[in-house]
């Protein structure tokens, strides 16, 4: 598919009104319509403790805990509320902790031992793909 210039895109969208609108300031907004999707699944073990601190894994309900050296699993969902089901699925699949869960943005962070986090993320992605009919991505590991 060939790329369109901004002018060509505007002409295509506003084909009849383009000449009338050309002198005006136009504001274009991109938006994403959430579907049933797992769009990020990643398992990694950070080598720097600042990552744990910047994720806030040492404050709030985790105050005083030290997650340094633990593996982190990140999963991102649409619709965003699916994160509640994902958290339950991850906790049932393996011995992991919820580091962060955001039902307004669909983000889930789980922590624990490498094998446990890997199992939890894999099982959660599999459940969403096979049982709930979500489009799922591949689980990335680093």
N, C-alpha and C. Protein backbone atom coordinates (compact mmCIF):
# COMPACT_ATOMS: atom_id res chain seq x y z
N UNK A 1 0.84 -1.17 0.00
CA UNK A 1 0.00 0.00 0.00
C UNK A 1 0.89 1.24 0.00
N UNK A 2 0.63 2.15 -0.92
CA UNK A 2 1.44 3.36 -1.02
C UNK A 2 1.03 4.35 0.06
N UNK A 3 2.01 5.12 0.55
CA UNK A 3 1.73 6.15 1.54
C UNK A 3 1.07 7.35 0.89
N UNK A 4 0.23 8.01 1.67
CA UNK A 4 -0.40 9.23 1.21
C UNK A 4 0.26 10.41 1.90
N UNK A 5 0.36 11.50 1.19
CA UNK A 5 0.81 12.73 1.83
C UNK A 5 -0.35 13.28 2.64
N UNK A 6 -0.07 14.22 3.50
CA UNK A 6 -1.13 14.84 4.30
C UNK A 6 -2.18 15.47 3.40
N UNK A 7 -1.73 16.14 2.36
CA UNK A 7 -2.66 16.79 1.42
C UNK A 7 -3.55 15.75 0.74
N UNK A 8 -2.96 14.65 0.28
CA UNK A 8 -3.75 13.60 -0.37
C UNK A 8 -4.77 12.98 0.58
N UNK A 9 -4.36 12.79 1.84
CA UNK A 9 -5.28 12.23 2.82
C UNK A 9 -6.45 13.17 3.06
N UNK A 10 -6.16 14.46 3.24
CA UNK A 10 -7.24 15.42 3.45
C UNK A 10 -8.16 15.50 2.24
N UNK A 11 -7.58 15.45 1.06
CA UNK A 11 -8.41 15.46 -0.15
C UNK A 11 -9.31 14.23 -0.21
N UNK A 12 -8.78 13.10 0.19
CA UNK A 12 -9.56 11.87 0.17
C UNK A 12 -10.70 11.90 1.20
N UNK A 13 -10.41 12.41 2.39
CA UNK A 13 -11.41 12.45 3.45
C UNK A 13 -12.48 13.50 3.17
N UNK A 14 -12.02 14.69 2.79
CA UNK A 14 -12.93 15.82 2.61
C UNK A 14 -13.10 16.15 1.13
N UNK A 15 -13.19 15.14 0.28
CA UNK A 15 -13.16 15.31 -1.16
C UNK A 15 -14.02 16.46 -1.68
N UNK A 16 -15.23 16.62 -1.22
CA UNK A 16 -16.08 17.70 -1.72
C UNK A 16 -15.80 19.03 -1.04
N UNK A 17 -15.37 19.01 0.21
CA UNK A 17 -15.18 20.23 0.98
C UNK A 17 -13.73 20.67 1.07
N UNK A 18 -12.81 19.98 0.41
CA UNK A 18 -11.39 20.28 0.60
C UNK A 18 -11.05 21.73 0.26
N UNK A 19 -11.51 22.23 -0.84
CA UNK A 19 -11.19 23.61 -1.23
C UNK A 19 -11.73 24.59 -0.20
N UNK A 20 -12.90 24.33 0.32
CA UNK A 20 -13.50 25.20 1.33
C UNK A 20 -12.72 25.14 2.65
N UNK A 21 -12.17 23.98 3.00
CA UNK A 21 -11.49 23.80 4.27
C UNK A 21 -9.99 24.11 4.21
N UNK A 22 -9.42 24.20 3.01
CA UNK A 22 -7.98 24.31 2.86
C UNK A 22 -7.38 25.49 3.60
N UNK A 23 -8.01 26.62 3.65
CA UNK A 23 -7.45 27.81 4.30
C UNK A 23 -7.62 27.78 5.81
N UNK A 24 -8.39 26.88 6.31
CA UNK A 24 -8.65 26.80 7.74
C UNK A 24 -7.65 25.92 8.46
N UNK A 25 -7.57 26.11 9.75
CA UNK A 25 -6.75 25.25 10.58
C UNK A 25 -7.56 24.00 10.89
N UNK A 26 -7.03 22.86 10.53
CA UNK A 26 -7.71 21.60 10.77
C UNK A 26 -6.99 20.84 11.86
N UNK A 27 -7.75 20.17 12.66
CA UNK A 27 -7.16 19.34 13.71
C UNK A 27 -7.52 17.90 13.42
N UNK A 28 -6.50 17.06 13.30
CA UNK A 28 -6.73 15.64 13.06
C UNK A 28 -6.42 14.89 14.34
N UNK A 29 -7.26 13.96 14.67
CA UNK A 29 -7.09 13.17 15.87
C UNK A 29 -7.09 11.70 15.48
N UNK A 30 -6.11 10.97 15.99
CA UNK A 30 -6.09 9.52 15.80
C UNK A 30 -6.67 8.90 17.05
N UNK A 31 -7.52 7.94 16.88
CA UNK A 31 -8.02 7.23 18.03
C UNK A 31 -8.06 5.74 17.73
N UNK A 32 -8.07 5.01 18.79
CA UNK A 32 -8.06 3.56 18.67
C UNK A 32 -9.36 3.03 19.25
N UNK A 33 -10.05 2.25 18.48
CA UNK A 33 -11.27 1.64 18.95
C UNK A 33 -10.90 0.28 19.53
N UNK A 34 -11.06 0.14 20.84
CA UNK A 34 -10.64 -1.12 21.46
C UNK A 34 -11.41 -2.32 20.95
N UNK A 35 -10.68 -3.36 20.66
CA UNK A 35 -11.27 -4.63 20.30
C UNK A 35 -10.92 -5.62 21.39
N UNK A 36 -11.05 -6.87 21.10
CA UNK A 36 -10.66 -7.91 22.05
C UNK A 36 -9.24 -8.31 21.69
N UNK A 37 -8.28 -7.78 22.44
CA UNK A 37 -6.89 -7.97 22.04
C UNK A 37 -5.94 -7.98 23.23
N UNK A 38 -4.97 -8.87 23.15
CA UNK A 38 -3.80 -8.83 24.03
C UNK A 38 -2.69 -8.31 23.12
N UNK A 39 -2.28 -7.06 23.34
CA UNK A 39 -1.37 -6.42 22.40
C UNK A 39 0.08 -6.36 22.88
N UNK A 40 0.35 -6.79 24.12
CA UNK A 40 1.71 -6.84 24.63
C UNK A 40 1.78 -7.93 25.69
N UNK A 41 2.74 -8.78 25.57
CA UNK A 41 3.01 -9.80 26.59
C UNK A 41 4.52 -9.99 26.62
N UNK A 42 5.13 -9.59 27.73
CA UNK A 42 6.58 -9.63 27.80
C UNK A 42 7.02 -10.09 29.19
N UNK A 43 8.01 -10.95 29.21
CA UNK A 43 8.58 -11.48 30.46
C UNK A 43 10.06 -11.13 30.45
N UNK A 44 10.52 -10.48 31.53
CA UNK A 44 11.93 -10.11 31.61
C UNK A 44 12.38 -9.98 33.06
N UNK A 45 13.67 -10.09 33.26
CA UNK A 45 14.27 -9.90 34.58
C UNK A 45 15.21 -8.71 34.48
N UNK A 46 14.81 -7.58 35.05
CA UNK A 46 15.65 -6.37 34.97
C UNK A 46 16.98 -6.58 35.69
N UNK A 47 18.00 -5.91 35.19
CA UNK A 47 19.31 -5.98 35.82
C UNK A 47 19.58 -4.75 36.68
N UNK A 48 18.70 -3.77 36.64
CA UNK A 48 18.89 -2.53 37.39
C UNK A 48 17.70 -2.31 38.31
N UNK A 49 17.96 -2.06 39.58
CA UNK A 49 16.88 -1.90 40.56
C UNK A 49 16.02 -0.67 40.31
N UNK A 50 16.51 0.30 39.54
CA UNK A 50 15.71 1.50 39.26
C UNK A 50 14.44 1.16 38.48
N UNK A 51 14.47 0.08 37.73
CA UNK A 51 13.26 -0.33 37.00
C UNK A 51 12.16 -0.70 37.97
N UNK A 52 12.48 -1.44 39.01
CA UNK A 52 11.49 -1.81 40.01
C UNK A 52 10.95 -0.56 40.71
N UNK A 53 11.85 0.36 41.03
CA UNK A 53 11.45 1.58 41.72
C UNK A 53 10.58 2.46 40.83
N UNK A 54 10.93 2.60 39.57
CA UNK A 54 10.15 3.43 38.65
C UNK A 54 8.79 2.83 38.34
N UNK A 55 8.66 1.53 38.45
CA UNK A 55 7.36 0.89 38.29
C UNK A 55 6.53 1.00 39.55
N UNK A 56 7.13 1.48 40.62
CA UNK A 56 6.40 1.65 41.88
C UNK A 56 6.19 0.34 42.61
N UNK A 57 7.04 -0.65 42.37
CA UNK A 57 6.88 -1.95 43.01
C UNK A 57 7.40 -1.98 44.44
N UNK A 58 7.84 -0.83 44.94
CA UNK A 58 8.36 -0.75 46.30
C UNK A 58 7.50 0.16 47.19
N UNK A 59 6.35 0.63 46.68
CA UNK A 59 5.51 1.55 47.45
C UNK A 59 4.09 1.00 47.55
N UNK A 60 3.23 1.74 48.24
CA UNK A 60 1.83 1.36 48.35
C UNK A 60 1.66 0.05 49.10
N UNK A 61 0.88 -0.86 48.53
CA UNK A 61 0.65 -2.14 49.19
C UNK A 61 1.91 -2.97 49.27
N UNK A 62 2.92 -2.59 48.51
CA UNK A 62 4.18 -3.32 48.52
C UNK A 62 5.24 -2.64 49.38
N UNK A 63 4.86 -1.63 50.14
CA UNK A 63 5.82 -0.85 50.91
C UNK A 63 6.70 -1.76 51.76
N UNK A 64 7.98 -1.54 51.65
CA UNK A 64 8.94 -2.32 52.42
C UNK A 64 9.38 -3.60 51.73
N UNK A 65 8.69 -4.01 50.68
CA UNK A 65 9.08 -5.23 49.97
C UNK A 65 10.20 -4.90 48.98
N UNK A 66 11.03 -5.85 48.73
CA UNK A 66 12.11 -5.67 47.77
C UNK A 66 11.93 -6.69 46.66
N UNK A 67 11.55 -6.21 45.50
CA UNK A 67 11.32 -7.10 44.36
C UNK A 67 12.54 -7.20 43.44
N UNK A 68 13.63 -6.56 43.84
CA UNK A 68 14.84 -6.59 43.02
C UNK A 68 15.26 -8.03 42.76
N UNK A 69 15.52 -8.33 41.51
CA UNK A 69 15.93 -9.67 41.12
C UNK A 69 14.77 -10.56 40.68
N UNK A 70 13.55 -10.13 40.97
CA UNK A 70 12.40 -10.91 40.52
C UNK A 70 12.12 -10.63 39.05
N UNK A 71 11.47 -11.57 38.43
CA UNK A 71 11.07 -11.41 37.04
C UNK A 71 9.78 -10.62 36.99
N UNK A 72 9.62 -9.84 35.94
CA UNK A 72 8.43 -9.03 35.72
C UNK A 72 7.73 -9.51 34.46
N UNK A 73 6.43 -9.63 34.54
CA UNK A 73 5.61 -9.95 33.39
C UNK A 73 4.68 -8.78 33.11
N UNK A 74 4.69 -8.28 31.89
CA UNK A 74 3.83 -7.18 31.48
C UNK A 74 2.82 -7.69 30.45
N UNK A 75 1.56 -7.37 30.65
CA UNK A 75 0.53 -7.75 29.69
C UNK A 75 -0.40 -6.55 29.52
N UNK A 76 -0.79 -6.27 28.27
CA UNK A 76 -1.65 -5.12 27.95
C UNK A 76 -2.88 -5.62 27.21
N UNK A 77 -4.07 -5.15 27.63
CA UNK A 77 -5.34 -5.64 27.10
C UNK A 77 -6.24 -4.53 26.58
N UNK A 78 -7.05 -4.86 25.61
CA UNK A 78 -8.24 -4.09 25.28
C UNK A 78 -9.36 -5.12 25.09
N UNK A 79 -10.55 -4.89 25.60
CA UNK A 79 -10.92 -3.75 26.42
C UNK A 79 -10.18 -3.79 27.74
N UNK A 80 -10.02 -2.61 28.32
CA UNK A 80 -9.17 -2.46 29.49
C UNK A 80 -9.65 -3.24 30.70
N UNK A 81 -10.96 -3.41 30.82
CA UNK A 81 -11.50 -4.12 31.98
C UNK A 81 -11.09 -5.59 32.01
N UNK A 82 -10.63 -6.11 30.88
CA UNK A 82 -10.20 -7.51 30.81
C UNK A 82 -9.04 -7.79 31.75
N UNK A 83 -8.36 -6.75 32.19
CA UNK A 83 -7.22 -6.92 33.08
C UNK A 83 -7.64 -7.58 34.39
N UNK A 84 -8.88 -7.39 34.81
CA UNK A 84 -9.36 -8.00 36.05
C UNK A 84 -9.40 -9.52 35.89
N UNK A 85 -9.91 -10.00 34.78
CA UNK A 85 -9.94 -11.43 34.49
C UNK A 85 -8.52 -11.96 34.33
N UNK A 86 -7.67 -11.17 33.69
CA UNK A 86 -6.28 -11.58 33.48
C UNK A 86 -5.54 -11.74 34.79
N UNK A 87 -5.75 -10.83 35.72
CA UNK A 87 -5.09 -10.93 37.03
C UNK A 87 -5.52 -12.21 37.74
N UNK A 88 -6.81 -12.51 37.71
CA UNK A 88 -7.31 -13.73 38.33
C UNK A 88 -6.73 -14.97 37.65
N UNK A 89 -6.67 -14.94 36.34
CA UNK A 89 -6.11 -16.07 35.58
C UNK A 89 -4.64 -16.28 35.91
N UNK A 90 -3.87 -15.20 35.97
CA UNK A 90 -2.43 -15.29 36.27
C UNK A 90 -2.20 -15.84 37.66
N UNK A 91 -2.98 -15.37 38.64
CA UNK A 91 -2.81 -15.85 40.01
C UNK A 91 -3.18 -17.32 40.17
N UNK A 92 -4.13 -17.80 39.38
CA UNK A 92 -4.52 -19.20 39.43
C UNK A 92 -3.54 -20.10 38.67
N UNK A 93 -2.82 -19.53 37.72
CA UNK A 93 -1.91 -20.31 36.88
C UNK A 93 -0.57 -20.57 37.54
N UNK A 94 -0.13 -19.65 38.41
CA UNK A 94 1.22 -19.78 38.98
C UNK A 94 1.32 -18.98 40.28
N UNK A 95 2.42 -19.20 40.98
CA UNK A 95 2.68 -18.51 42.24
C UNK A 95 3.34 -17.16 41.93
N UNK A 96 2.50 -16.16 41.62
CA UNK A 96 2.98 -14.82 41.29
C UNK A 96 2.23 -13.79 42.13
N UNK A 97 2.73 -12.56 42.11
CA UNK A 97 2.08 -11.46 42.80
C UNK A 97 1.68 -10.42 41.77
N UNK A 98 0.59 -9.72 42.06
CA UNK A 98 0.19 -8.60 41.21
C UNK A 98 1.02 -7.39 41.63
N UNK A 99 1.85 -6.90 40.73
CA UNK A 99 2.65 -5.71 41.01
C UNK A 99 1.85 -4.45 40.73
N UNK A 100 1.01 -4.51 39.68
CA UNK A 100 0.22 -3.36 39.29
C UNK A 100 -0.89 -3.84 38.38
N UNK A 101 -2.07 -3.25 38.55
CA UNK A 101 -3.20 -3.59 37.70
C UNK A 101 -3.99 -2.32 37.44
N UNK A 102 -4.21 -1.97 36.18
CA UNK A 102 -4.91 -0.73 35.84
C UNK A 102 -6.07 -1.05 34.92
N UNK A 103 -7.27 -1.02 35.47
CA UNK A 103 -8.46 -1.33 34.68
C UNK A 103 -8.88 -0.19 33.79
N UNK A 104 -8.24 0.98 33.92
CA UNK A 104 -8.55 2.12 33.07
C UNK A 104 -7.64 2.20 31.85
N UNK A 105 -6.55 1.46 31.85
CA UNK A 105 -5.63 1.43 30.70
C UNK A 105 -5.30 0.02 30.25
N UNK A 106 -5.78 -0.99 30.97
CA UNK A 106 -5.58 -2.37 30.57
C UNK A 106 -4.20 -2.93 30.79
N UNK A 107 -3.48 -2.42 31.78
CA UNK A 107 -2.11 -2.87 32.04
C UNK A 107 -2.04 -3.78 33.26
N UNK A 108 -1.30 -4.86 33.13
CA UNK A 108 -1.09 -5.78 34.23
C UNK A 108 0.40 -6.05 34.37
N UNK A 109 0.92 -5.90 35.59
CA UNK A 109 2.31 -6.24 35.89
C UNK A 109 2.28 -7.30 36.98
N UNK A 110 2.94 -8.41 36.72
CA UNK A 110 3.05 -9.47 37.73
C UNK A 110 4.53 -9.69 38.03
N UNK A 111 4.81 -10.15 39.24
CA UNK A 111 6.19 -10.40 39.65
C UNK A 111 6.30 -11.77 40.30
N UNK A 112 7.52 -12.29 40.32
CA UNK A 112 7.78 -13.57 40.95
C UNK A 112 9.02 -14.22 40.37
N UNK A 113 9.16 -15.52 40.63
CA UNK A 113 10.28 -16.27 40.07
C UNK A 113 10.08 -16.42 38.56
N UNK A 114 11.18 -16.52 37.84
CA UNK A 114 11.14 -16.55 36.37
C UNK A 114 10.17 -17.60 35.83
N UNK A 115 10.28 -18.83 36.30
CA UNK A 115 9.44 -19.90 35.77
C UNK A 115 7.96 -19.65 36.08
N UNK A 116 7.68 -19.09 37.25
CA UNK A 116 6.30 -18.82 37.65
C UNK A 116 5.69 -17.69 36.81
N UNK A 117 6.44 -16.62 36.61
CA UNK A 117 5.95 -15.50 35.81
C UNK A 117 5.76 -15.93 34.36
N UNK A 118 6.70 -16.70 33.84
CA UNK A 118 6.60 -17.20 32.47
C UNK A 118 5.33 -18.04 32.31
N UNK A 119 5.07 -18.92 33.27
CA UNK A 119 3.87 -19.75 33.23
C UNK A 119 2.62 -18.90 33.31
N UNK A 120 2.59 -17.94 34.23
CA UNK A 120 1.41 -17.09 34.40
C UNK A 120 1.10 -16.28 33.15
N UNK A 121 2.11 -15.68 32.55
CA UNK A 121 1.90 -14.88 31.34
C UNK A 121 1.44 -15.77 30.19
N UNK A 122 2.13 -16.90 30.00
CA UNK A 122 1.77 -17.81 28.90
C UNK A 122 0.35 -18.34 29.05
N UNK A 123 0.00 -18.76 30.25
CA UNK A 123 -1.35 -19.30 30.49
C UNK A 123 -2.43 -18.23 30.32
N UNK A 124 -2.13 -17.01 30.75
CA UNK A 124 -3.09 -15.93 30.61
C UNK A 124 -3.32 -15.60 29.14
N UNK A 125 -2.25 -15.47 28.37
CA UNK A 125 -2.38 -15.18 26.95
C UNK A 125 -3.12 -16.33 26.25
N UNK A 126 -2.79 -17.55 26.59
CA UNK A 126 -3.45 -18.71 26.00
C UNK A 126 -4.94 -18.73 26.33
N UNK A 127 -5.30 -18.45 27.58
CA UNK A 127 -6.70 -18.42 27.99
C UNK A 127 -7.47 -17.36 27.19
N UNK A 128 -6.89 -16.18 27.07
CA UNK A 128 -7.57 -15.11 26.33
C UNK A 128 -7.72 -15.46 24.85
N UNK A 129 -6.73 -16.10 24.28
CA UNK A 129 -6.82 -16.48 22.88
C UNK A 129 -7.76 -17.65 22.63
N UNK A 130 -7.58 -18.72 23.40
CA UNK A 130 -8.34 -19.95 23.15
C UNK A 130 -9.74 -19.96 23.72
N UNK A 131 -9.91 -19.42 24.92
CA UNK A 131 -11.21 -19.48 25.59
C UNK A 131 -12.08 -18.25 25.34
N UNK A 132 -11.47 -17.09 25.27
CA UNK A 132 -12.25 -15.86 25.16
C UNK A 132 -12.27 -15.28 23.74
N UNK A 133 -11.50 -15.88 22.84
CA UNK A 133 -11.52 -15.44 21.44
C UNK A 133 -10.85 -14.10 21.18
N UNK A 134 -9.90 -13.73 22.01
CA UNK A 134 -9.16 -12.48 21.80
C UNK A 134 -8.10 -12.70 20.73
N UNK A 135 -7.76 -11.64 20.03
CA UNK A 135 -6.57 -11.66 19.19
C UNK A 135 -5.40 -11.52 20.16
N UNK A 136 -4.42 -12.38 20.05
CA UNK A 136 -3.31 -12.35 21.00
C UNK A 136 -1.98 -12.21 20.27
N UNK A 137 -1.03 -11.65 20.98
CA UNK A 137 0.33 -11.51 20.45
C UNK A 137 1.19 -12.65 21.00
N UNK A 138 2.37 -12.73 20.48
CA UNK A 138 3.33 -13.71 20.96
C UNK A 138 3.92 -13.22 22.29
N UNK A 139 4.19 -14.14 23.19
CA UNK A 139 4.84 -13.77 24.45
C UNK A 139 6.32 -13.60 24.17
N UNK A 140 6.84 -12.40 24.44
CA UNK A 140 8.25 -12.11 24.23
C UNK A 140 9.00 -12.33 25.54
N UNK A 141 10.21 -12.81 25.44
CA UNK A 141 11.03 -13.07 26.63
C UNK A 141 12.42 -12.48 26.42
N UNK A 142 12.93 -11.85 27.47
CA UNK A 142 14.30 -11.33 27.38
C UNK A 142 14.98 -11.47 28.73
